[in-house]
PDB file of N, CA and C in Angstrom:
ATOM      1  N   MET A   1      64.287  10.844  90.622  1.00  0.00           N
ATOM      2  CA  MET A   1      64.912  11.009  89.325  1.00  0.00           C
ATOM      3  C   MET A   1      64.214  10.092  88.326  1.00  0.00           C
ATOM      4  N   LYS A   2      63.670  10.685  87.294  1.00  0.00           N
ATOM      5  CA  LYS A   2      62.976   9.921  86.251  1.00  0.00           C
ATOM      6  C   LYS A   2      63.990   9.417  85.235  1.00  0.00           C
ATOM      7  N   LYS A   3      63.744   8.192  84.762  1.00  0.00           N
ATOM      8  CA  LYS A   3      64.674   7.554  83.834  1.00  0.00           C
ATOM      9  C   LYS A   3      64.025   7.419  82.457  1.00  0.00           C
ATOM     10  N   ILE A   4      64.704   7.987  81.457  1.00  0.00           N
ATOM     11  CA  ILE A   4      64.218   7.989  80.079  1.00  0.00           C
ATOM     12  C   ILE A   4      65.189   7.167  79.236  1.00  0.00           C
ATOM     13  N   LEU A   5      64.648   6.298  78.401  1.00  0.00           N
ATOM     14  CA  LEU A   5      65.458   5.508  77.484  1.00  0.00           C
ATOM     15  C   LEU A   5      65.098   5.909  76.062  1.00  0.00           C
ATOM     16  N   VAL A   6      66.098   6.338  75.297  1.00  0.00           N
ATOM     17  CA  VAL A   6      65.893   6.718  73.900  1.00  0.00           C
ATOM     18  C   VAL A   6      66.515   5.640  73.030  1.00  0.00           C
ATOM     19  N   ALA A   7      65.712   5.075  72.136  1.00  0.00           N
ATOM     20  CA  ALA A   7      66.176   3.956  71.312  1.00  0.00           C
ATOM     21  C   ALA A   7      66.080   4.280  69.829  1.00  0.00           C
ATOM     22  N   CYS A   8      67.068   3.764  69.085  1.00  0.00           N
ATOM     23  CA  CYS A   8      67.036   3.827  67.624  1.00  0.00           C
ATOM     24  C   CYS A   8      67.628   2.531  67.095  1.00  0.00           C
ATOM     25  N   GLY A   9      67.767   2.429  65.802  1.00  0.00           N
ATOM     26  CA  GLY A   9      68.245   1.196  65.195  1.00  0.00           C
ATOM     27  C   GLY A   9      69.608   0.751  65.677  1.00  0.00           C
ATOM     28  N   THR A  10      70.537   1.672  65.805  1.00  0.00           N
ATOM     29  CA  THR A  10      71.895   1.324  66.210  1.00  0.00           C
ATOM     30  C   THR A  10      72.222   1.739  67.643  1.00  0.00           C
ATOM     31  N   GLY A  11      71.367   2.546  68.237  1.00  0.00           N
ATOM     32  CA  GLY A  11      71.616   3.042  69.599  1.00  0.00           C
ATOM     33  C   GLY A  11      72.655   4.139  69.637  1.00  0.00           C
ATOM     34  N   ILE A  12      72.973   4.703  68.494  1.00  0.00           N
ATOM     35  CA  ILE A  12      74.030   5.710  68.425  1.00  0.00           C
ATOM     36  C   ILE A  12      73.568   6.991  67.733  1.00  0.00           C
ATOM     37  N   CYS A  13      73.092   6.884  66.526  1.00  0.00           N
ATOM     38  CA  CYS A  13      72.913   8.065  65.684  1.00  0.00           C
ATOM     39  C   CYS A  13      71.664   8.882  66.022  1.00  0.00           C
ATOM     40  N   THR A  14      70.499   8.415  65.606  1.00  0.00           N
ATOM     41  CA  THR A  14      69.294   9.222  65.815  1.00  0.00           C
ATOM     42  C   THR A  14      68.900   9.285  67.280  1.00  0.00           C
ATOM     43  N   SER A  15      69.248   8.272  68.050  1.00  0.00           N
ATOM     44  CA  SER A  15      68.922   8.334  69.488  1.00  0.00           C
ATOM     45  C   SER A  15      69.742   9.426  70.168  1.00  0.00           C
ATOM     46  N   THR A  16      70.956   9.665  69.723  1.00  0.00           N
ATOM     47  CA  THR A  16      71.771  10.741  70.285  1.00  0.00           C
ATOM     48  C   THR A  16      71.147  12.091  69.972  1.00  0.00           C
ATOM     49  N   MET A  17      70.728  12.269  68.723  1.00  0.00           N
ATOM     50  CA  MET A  17      70.090  13.525  68.330  1.00  0.00           C
ATOM     51  C   MET A  17      68.798  13.730  69.113  1.00  0.00           C
ATOM     52  N   ALA A  18      67.980  12.695  69.206  1.00  0.00           N
ATOM     53  CA  ALA A  18      66.706  12.798  69.929  1.00  0.00           C
ATOM     54  C   ALA A  18      66.941  13.053  71.414  1.00  0.00           C
ATOM     55  N   ALA A  19      67.921  12.386  71.997  1.00  0.00           N
ATOM     56  CA  ALA A  19      68.197  12.564  73.426  1.00  0.00           C
ATOM     57  C   ALA A  19      68.619  13.999  73.730  1.00  0.00           C
ATOM     58  N   LYS A  20      69.448  14.563  72.870  1.00  0.00           N
ATOM     59  CA  LYS A  20      69.904  15.941  73.089  1.00  0.00           C
ATOM     60  C   LYS A  20      68.750  16.932  72.969  1.00  0.00           C
ATOM     61  N   LYS A  21      67.915  16.744  71.949  1.00  0.00           N
ATOM     62  CA  LYS A  21      66.785  17.659  71.777  1.00  0.00           C
ATOM     63  C   LYS A  21      65.764  17.484  72.888  1.00  0.00           C
ATOM     64  N   LEU A  22      65.537  16.258  73.321  1.00  0.00           N
ATOM     65  CA  LEU A  22      64.615  16.018  74.427  1.00  0.00           C
ATOM     66  C   LEU A  22      65.139  16.675  75.702  1.00  0.00           C
ATOM     67  N   ALA A  23      66.419  16.514  75.974  1.00  0.00           N
ATOM     68  CA  ALA A  23      67.005  17.139  77.170  1.00  0.00           C
ATOM     69  C   ALA A  23      66.837  18.651  77.124  1.00  0.00           C
ATOM     70  N   THR A  24      67.083  19.242  75.957  1.00  0.00           N
ATOM     71  CA  THR A  24      66.916  20.690  75.809  1.00  0.00           C
ATOM     72  C   THR A  24      65.471  21.098  76.068  1.00  0.00           C
ATOM     73  N   GLN A  25      64.543  20.341  75.514  1.00  0.00           N
ATOM     74  CA  GLN A  25      63.120  20.636  75.720  1.00  0.00           C
ATOM     75  C   GLN A  25      62.740  20.545  77.202  1.00  0.00           C
ATOM     76  N   LEU A  26      63.184  19.499  77.860  1.00  0.00           N
ATOM     77  CA  LEU A  26      62.833  19.314  79.273  1.00  0.00           C
ATOM     78  C   LEU A  26      63.483  20.383  80.146  1.00  0.00           C
ATOM     79  N   GLU A  27      64.720  20.724  79.846  1.00  0.00           N
ATOM     80  CA  GLU A  27      65.406  21.757  80.625  1.00  0.00           C
ATOM     81  C   GLU A  27      64.749  23.127  80.427  1.00  0.00           C
ATOM     82  N   SER A  28      64.259  23.384  79.214  1.00  0.00           N
ATOM     83  CA  SER A  28      63.591  24.661  78.964  1.00  0.00           C
ATOM     84  C   SER A  28      62.266  24.763  79.725  1.00  0.00           C
ATOM     85  N   ARG A  29      61.762  23.630  80.181  1.00  0.00           N
ATOM     86  CA  ARG A  29      60.538  23.603  80.988  1.00  0.00           C
ATOM     87  C   ARG A  29      60.852  23.588  82.485  1.00  0.00           C
ATOM     88  N   GLY A  30      62.112  23.825  82.824  1.00  0.00           N
ATOM     89  CA  GLY A  30      62.498  23.897  84.225  1.00  0.00           C
ATOM     90  C   GLY A  30      62.668  22.543  84.899  1.00  0.00           C
ATOM     91  N   LEU A  31      62.898  21.504  84.114  1.00  0.00           N
ATOM     92  CA  LEU A  31      62.990  20.154  84.674  1.00  0.00           C
ATOM     93  C   LEU A  31      64.425  19.640  84.786  1.00  0.00           C
ATOM     94  N   LYS A  32      65.392  20.524  84.635  1.00  0.00           N
ATOM     95  CA  LYS A  32      66.792  20.121  84.730  1.00  0.00           C
ATOM     96  C   LYS A  32      67.046  19.474  86.092  1.00  0.00           C
ATOM     97  N   GLY A  33      67.760  18.358  86.069  1.00  0.00           N
ATOM     98  CA  GLY A  33      68.095  17.654  87.304  1.00  0.00           C
ATOM     99  C   GLY A  33      67.027  16.677  87.763  1.00  0.00           C
ATOM    100  N   GLN A  34      65.922  16.603  87.018  1.00  0.00           N
ATOM    101  CA  GLN A  34      64.841  15.700  87.409  1.00  0.00           C
ATOM    102  C   GLN A  34      64.766  14.445  86.537  1.00  0.00           C
ATOM    103  N   PHE A  35      65.714  14.323  85.601  1.00  0.00           N
ATOM    104  CA  PHE A  35      65.668  13.171  84.692  1.00  0.00           C
ATOM    105  C   PHE A  35      67.077  12.774  84.273  1.00  0.00           C
ATOM    106  N   VAL A  36      67.210  11.530  83.871  1.00  0.00           N
ATOM    107  CA  VAL A  36      68.431  11.046  83.233  1.00  0.00           C
ATOM    108  C   VAL A  36      68.001  10.357  81.945  1.00  0.00           C
ATOM    109  N   ILE A  37      68.830  10.479  80.935  1.00  0.00           N
ATOM    110  CA  ILE A  37      68.521   9.881  79.635  1.00  0.00           C
ATOM    111  C   ILE A  37      69.616   8.887  79.279  1.00  0.00           C
ATOM    112  N   SER A  38      69.203   7.688  78.910  1.00  0.00           N
ATOM    113  CA  SER A  38      70.113   6.664  78.422  1.00  0.00           C
ATOM    114  C   SER A  38      69.708   6.301  76.999  1.00  0.00           C
ATOM    115  N   GLN A  39      70.574   5.623  76.298  1.00  0.00           N
ATOM    116  CA  GLN A  39      70.305   5.253  74.913  1.00  0.00           C
ATOM    117  C   GLN A  39      70.534   3.762  74.718  1.00  0.00           C
ATOM    118  N   CYS A  40      69.851   3.206  73.739  1.00  0.00           N
ATOM    119  CA  CYS A  40      70.071   1.806  73.378  1.00  0.00           C
ATOM    120  C   CYS A  40      69.558   1.561  71.964  1.00  0.00           C
ATOM    121  N   ARG A  41      69.782   0.329  71.497  1.00  0.00           N
ATOM    122  CA  ARG A  41      69.223  -0.102  70.219  1.00  0.00           C
ATOM    123  C   ARG A  41      67.792  -0.584  70.450  1.00  0.00           C
ATOM    124  N   VAL A  42      66.947  -0.448  69.451  1.00  0.00           N
ATOM    125  CA  VAL A  42      65.571  -0.933  69.554  1.00  0.00           C
ATOM    126  C   VAL A  42      65.564  -2.427  69.888  1.00  0.00           C
ATOM    127  N   SER A  43      66.506  -3.160  69.350  1.00  0.00           N
ATOM    128  CA  SER A  43      66.566  -4.601  69.606  1.00  0.00           C
ATOM    129  C   SER A  43      66.853  -4.930  71.068  1.00  0.00           C
ATOM    130  N   GLU A  44      67.304  -3.964  71.844  1.00  0.00           N
ATOM    131  CA  GLU A  44      67.595  -4.181  73.265  1.00  0.00           C
ATOM    132  C   GLU A  44      66.412  -3.845  74.177  1.00  0.00           C
ATOM    133  N   LEU A  45      65.346  -3.297  73.605  1.00  0.00           N
ATOM    134  CA  LEU A  45      64.227  -2.831  74.433  1.00  0.00           C
ATOM    135  C   LEU A  45      63.620  -3.936  75.291  1.00  0.00           C
ATOM    136  N   SER A  46      63.540  -5.134  74.758  1.00  0.00           N
ATOM    137  CA  SER A  46      62.915  -6.204  75.544  1.00  0.00           C
ATOM    138  C   SER A  46      63.686  -6.482  76.829  1.00  0.00           C
ATOM    139  N   PHE A  47      64.971  -6.156  76.853  1.00  0.00           N
ATOM    140  CA  PHE A  47      65.791  -6.369  78.048  1.00  0.00           C
ATOM    141  C   PHE A  47      65.848  -5.139  78.948  1.00  0.00           C
ATOM    142  N   LYS A  48      65.669  -3.960  78.382  1.00  0.00           N
ATOM    143  CA  LYS A  48      65.922  -2.731  79.127  1.00  0.00           C
ATOM    144  C   LYS A  48      64.678  -1.900  79.453  1.00  0.00           C
ATOM    145  N   ALA A  49      63.645  -1.975  78.661  1.00  0.00           N
ATOM    146  CA  ALA A  49      62.518  -1.045  78.785  1.00  0.00           C
ATOM    147  C   ALA A  49      61.918  -1.004  80.189  1.00  0.00           C
ATOM    148  N   ASN A  50      61.801  -2.121  80.842  1.00  0.00           N
ATOM    149  CA  ASN A  50      61.154  -2.152  82.160  1.00  0.00           C
ATOM    150  C   ASN A  50      61.950  -1.458  83.251  1.00  0.00           C
ATOM    151  N   ASP A  51      63.200  -1.136  82.990  1.00  0.00           N
ATOM    152  CA  ASP A  51      64.028  -0.433  83.978  1.00  0.00           C
ATOM    153  C   ASP A  51      63.905   1.086  83.865  1.00  0.00           C
ATOM    154  N   PHE A  52      63.033   1.563  82.960  1.00  0.00           N
ATOM    155  CA  PHE A  52      62.908   3.000  82.716  1.00  0.00           C
ATOM    156  C   PHE A  52      61.461   3.442  82.909  1.00  0.00           C
ATOM    157  N   ASP A  53      61.266   4.755  83.074  1.00  0.00           N
ATOM    158  CA  ASP A  53      59.928   5.312  83.269  1.00  0.00           C
ATOM    159  C   ASP A  53      59.221   5.567  81.946  1.00  0.00           C
ATOM    160  N   VAL A  54      59.982   5.826  80.893  1.00  0.00           N
ATOM    161  CA  VAL A  54      59.405   6.031  79.569  1.00  0.00           C
ATOM    162  C   VAL A  54      60.478   5.701  78.526  1.00  0.00           C
ATOM    163  N   VAL A  55      60.013   5.215  77.377  1.00  0.00           N
ATOM    164  CA  VAL A  55      60.905   4.902  76.260  1.00  0.00           C
ATOM    165  C   VAL A  55      60.515   5.801  75.091  1.00  0.00           C
ATOM    166  N   ILE A  56      61.515   6.403  74.463  1.00  0.00           N
ATOM    167  CA  ILE A  56      61.321   7.206  73.258  1.00  0.00           C
ATOM    168  C   ILE A  56      61.999   6.461  72.116  1.00  0.00           C
ATOM    169  N   CYS A  57      61.263   6.188  71.044  1.00  0.00           N
ATOM    170  CA  CYS A  57      61.828   5.463  69.904  1.00  0.00           C
ATOM    171  C   CYS A  57      61.845   6.344  68.661  1.00  0.00           C
ATOM    172  N   THR A  58      62.973   6.337  67.973  1.00  0.00           N
ATOM    173  CA  THR A  58      63.054   7.056  66.703  1.00  0.00           C
ATOM    174  C   THR A  58      62.824   6.116  65.527  1.00  0.00           C
ATOM    175  N   SER A  59      62.662   4.836  65.814  1.00  0.00           N
ATOM    176  CA  SER A  59      62.296   3.858  64.793  1.00  0.00           C
ATOM    177  C   SER A  59      61.199   2.976  65.382  1.00  0.00           C
ATOM    178  N   ASN A  60      60.690   2.041  64.601  1.00  0.00           N
ATOM    179  CA  ASN A  60      59.569   1.221  65.068  1.00  0.00           C
ATOM    180  C   ASN A  60      59.988   0.247  66.160  1.00  0.00           C
ATOM    181  N   ALA A  61      59.220   0.256  67.232  1.00  0.00           N
ATOM    182  CA  ALA A  61      59.400  -0.718  68.312  1.00  0.00           C
ATOM    183  C   ALA A  61      58.210  -1.664  68.232  1.00  0.00           C
ATOM    184  N   THR A  62      58.464  -2.908  67.941  1.00  0.00           N
ATOM    185  CA  THR A  62      57.373  -3.846  67.689  1.00  0.00           C
ATOM    186  C   THR A  62      56.958  -4.648  68.914  1.00  0.00           C
ATOM    187  N   GLY A  63      57.728  -4.622  69.955  1.00  0.00           N
ATOM    188  CA  GLY A  63      57.411  -5.412  71.135  1.00  0.00           C
ATOM    189  C   GLY A  63      56.333  -4.780  71.991  1.00  0.00           C
ATOM    190  N   THR A  64      55.941  -5.504  73.024  1.00  0.00           N
ATOM    191  CA  THR A  64      54.991  -5.008  74.006  1.00  0.00           C
ATOM    192  C   THR A  64      55.740  -4.824  75.319  1.00  0.00           C
ATOM    193  N   TYR A  65      55.595  -3.637  75.897  1.00  0.00           N
ATOM    194  CA  TYR A  65      56.354  -3.308  77.104  1.00  0.00           C
ATOM    195  C   TYR A  65      55.421  -2.735  78.152  1.00  0.00           C
ATOM    196  N   ASP A  66      55.750  -2.914  79.413  1.00  0.00           N
ATOM    197  CA  ASP A  66      54.981  -2.294  80.493  1.00  0.00           C
ATOM    198  C   ASP A  66      55.279  -0.809  80.575  1.00  0.00           C
ATOM    199  N   THR A  67      56.428  -0.384  80.102  1.00  0.00           N
ATOM    200  CA  THR A  67      56.842   1.013  80.106  1.00  0.00           C
ATOM    201  C   THR A  67      56.201   1.736  78.918  1.00  0.00           C
ATOM    202  N   PRO A  68      55.676   2.949  79.131  1.00  0.00           N
ATOM    203  CA  PRO A  68      55.116   3.695  77.990  1.00  0.00           C
ATOM    204  C   PRO A  68      56.172   3.946  76.912  1.00  0.00           C
ATOM    205  N   VAL A  69      55.783   3.736  75.659  1.00  0.00           N
ATOM    206  CA  VAL A  69      56.673   3.963  74.514  1.00  0.00           C
ATOM    207  C   VAL A  69      56.089   5.103  73.684  1.00  0.00           C
ATOM    208  N   ILE A  70      56.902   6.126  73.446  1.00  0.00           N
ATOM    209  CA  ILE A  70      56.473   7.300  72.685  1.00  0.00           C
ATOM    210  C   ILE A  70      57.327   7.405  71.434  1.00  0.00           C
ATOM    211  N   GLN A  71      56.675   7.621  70.292  1.00  0.00           N
ATOM    212  CA  GLN A  71      57.390   7.800  69.026  1.00  0.00           C
ATOM    213  C   GLN A  71      58.148   9.130  69.075  1.00  0.00           C
ATOM    214  N   GLY A  72      59.455   9.083  68.846  1.00  0.00           N
ATOM    215  CA  GLY A  72      60.289  10.267  68.974  1.00  0.00           C
ATOM    216  C   GLY A  72      60.746  10.883  67.671  1.00  0.00           C
ATOM    217  N   LEU A  73      60.051  10.590  66.576  1.00  0.00           N
ATOM    218  CA  LEU A  73      60.430  11.145  65.276  1.00  0.00           C
ATOM    219  C   LEU A  73      60.432  12.669  65.298  1.00  0.00           C
ATOM    220  N   ALA A  74      59.598  13.262  66.145  1.00  0.00           N
ATOM    221  CA  ALA A  74      59.532  14.726  66.240  1.00  0.00           C
ATOM    222  C   ALA A  74      60.875  15.334  66.628  1.00  0.00           C
ATOM    223  N   TYR A  75      61.688  14.599  67.379  1.00  0.00           N
ATOM    224  CA  TYR A  75      62.997  15.126  67.776  1.00  0.00           C
ATOM    225  C   TYR A  75      64.004  15.098  66.629  1.00  0.00           C
ATOM    226  N   LEU A  76      63.658  14.399  65.559  1.00  0.00           N
ATOM    227  CA  LEU A  76      64.514  14.386  64.367  1.00  0.00           C
ATOM    228  C   LEU A  76      64.040  15.415  63.356  1.00  0.00           C
ATOM    229  N   THR A  77      62.726  15.572  63.244  1.00  0.00           N
ATOM    230  CA  THR A  77      62.169  16.467  62.234  1.00  0.00           C
ATOM    231  C   THR A  77      61.882  17.867  62.774  1.00  0.00           C
ATOM    232  N   GLY A  78      61.647  17.968  64.054  1.00  0.00           N
ATOM    233  CA  GLY A  78      61.264  19.238  64.651  1.00  0.00           C
ATOM    234  C   GLY A  78      59.767  19.509  64.565  1.00  0.00           C
ATOM    235  N   VAL A  79      59.039  18.643  63.846  1.00  0.00           N
ATOM    236  CA  VAL A  79      57.593  18.815  63.692  1.00  0.00           C
ATOM    237  C   VAL A  79      56.883  18.273  64.934  1.00  0.00           C
ATOM    238  N   GLN A  80      56.084  19.116  65.565  1.00  0.00           N
ATOM    239  CA  GLN A  80      55.305  18.775  66.753  1.00  0.00           C
ATOM    240  C   GLN A  80      56.187  18.303  67.923  1.00  0.00           C
ATOM    241  N   MET A  81      57.381  18.869  68.008  1.00  0.00           N
ATOM    242  CA  MET A  81      58.288  18.487  69.087  1.00  0.00           C
ATOM    243  C   MET A  81      57.702  18.867  70.453  1.00  0.00           C
ATOM    244  N   ASP A  82      57.044  20.018  70.527  1.00  0.00           N
ATOM    245  CA  ASP A  82      56.438  20.423  71.804  1.00  0.00           C
ATOM    246  C   ASP A  82      55.355  19.449  72.245  1.00  0.00           C
ATOM    247  N   LYS A  83      54.539  18.990  71.301  1.00  0.00           N
ATOM    248  CA  LYS A  83      53.479  18.030  71.648  1.00  0.00           C
ATOM    249  C   LYS A  83      54.064  16.705  72.106  1.00  0.00           C
ATOM    250  N   THR A  84      55.137  16.278  71.450  1.00  0.00           N
ATOM    251  CA  THR A  84      55.777  15.033  71.865  1.00  0.00           C
ATOM    252  C   THR A  84      56.384  15.196  73.253  1.00  0.00           C
ATOM    253  N   THR A  85      56.977  16.351  73.519  1.00  0.00           N
ATOM    254  CA  THR A  85      57.534  16.598  74.852  1.00  0.00           C
ATOM    255  C   THR A  85      56.423  16.631  75.895  1.00  0.00           C
ATOM    256  N   ASP A  86      55.257  17.167  75.537  1.00  0.00           N
ATOM    257  CA  ASP A  86      54.106  17.118  76.450  1.00  0.00           C
ATOM    258  C   ASP A  86      53.777  15.673  76.828  1.00  0.00           C
ATOM    259  N   LYS A  87      53.804  14.790  75.840  1.00  0.00           N
ATOM    260  CA  LYS A  87      53.523  13.368  76.111  1.00  0.00           C
ATOM    261  C   LYS A  87      54.570  12.772  77.046  1.00  0.00           C
ATOM    262  N   VAL A  88      55.827  13.138  76.829  1.00  0.00           N
ATOM    263  CA  VAL A  88      56.908  12.623  77.684  1.00  0.00           C
ATOM    264  C   VAL A  88      56.711  13.113  79.116  1.00  0.00           C
ATOM    265  N   VAL A  89      56.444  14.395  79.260  1.00  0.00           N
ATOM    266  CA  VAL A  89      56.243  14.976  80.600  1.00  0.00           C
ATOM    267  C   VAL A  89      55.060  14.303  81.286  1.00  0.00           C
ATOM    268  N   ASP A  90      53.978  14.082  80.550  1.00  0.00           N
ATOM    269  CA  ASP A  90      52.813  13.403  81.127  1.00  0.00           C
ATOM    270  C   ASP A  90      53.153  11.978  81.544  1.00  0.00           C
ATOM    271  N   ALA A  91      53.869  11.268  80.678  1.00  0.00           N
ATOM    272  CA  ALA A  91      54.228   9.882  80.986  1.00  0.00           C
ATOM    273  C   ALA A  91      55.132   9.810  82.214  1.00  0.00           C
ATOM    274  N   LEU A  92      55.969  10.823  82.396  1.00  0.00           N
ATOM    275  CA  LEU A  92      56.875  10.844  83.544  1.00  0.00           C
ATOM    276  C   LEU A  92      56.187  11.347  84.813  1.00  0.00           C
ATOM    277  N   GLY A  93      55.044  11.971  84.650  1.00  0.00           N
ATOM    278  CA  GLY A  93      54.345  12.526  85.803  1.00  0.00           C
ATOM    279  C   GLY A  93      55.036  13.747  86.379  1.00  0.00           C
ATOM    280  N   LEU A  94      55.694  14.524  85.509  1.00  0.00           N
ATOM    281  CA  LEU A  94      56.403  15.732  85.964  1.00  0.00           C
ATOM    282  C   LEU A  94      55.547  16.972  85.794  1.00  0.00           C
TER     283      LEU A  94
END
């Protein structure tokens, strides 16, 4: 089971929207049941990022993490969402 962390400024608003759209994208690729998505605030990444396989941020993440961090603005705008999902799938090795 791959673990995805979606982060935004408050850990509530845009991360919820991005998490739902990401889940829909992954499920449409036949990956249902192969991932779990959690949410947090960007300020919590330094404590949480290493416990996940990939981090998706809807705002700027300024820290350095061992976990791959992917900009998730596409899940808010809909622009290049497929390409961003490709990056997530690659980072997860699915």
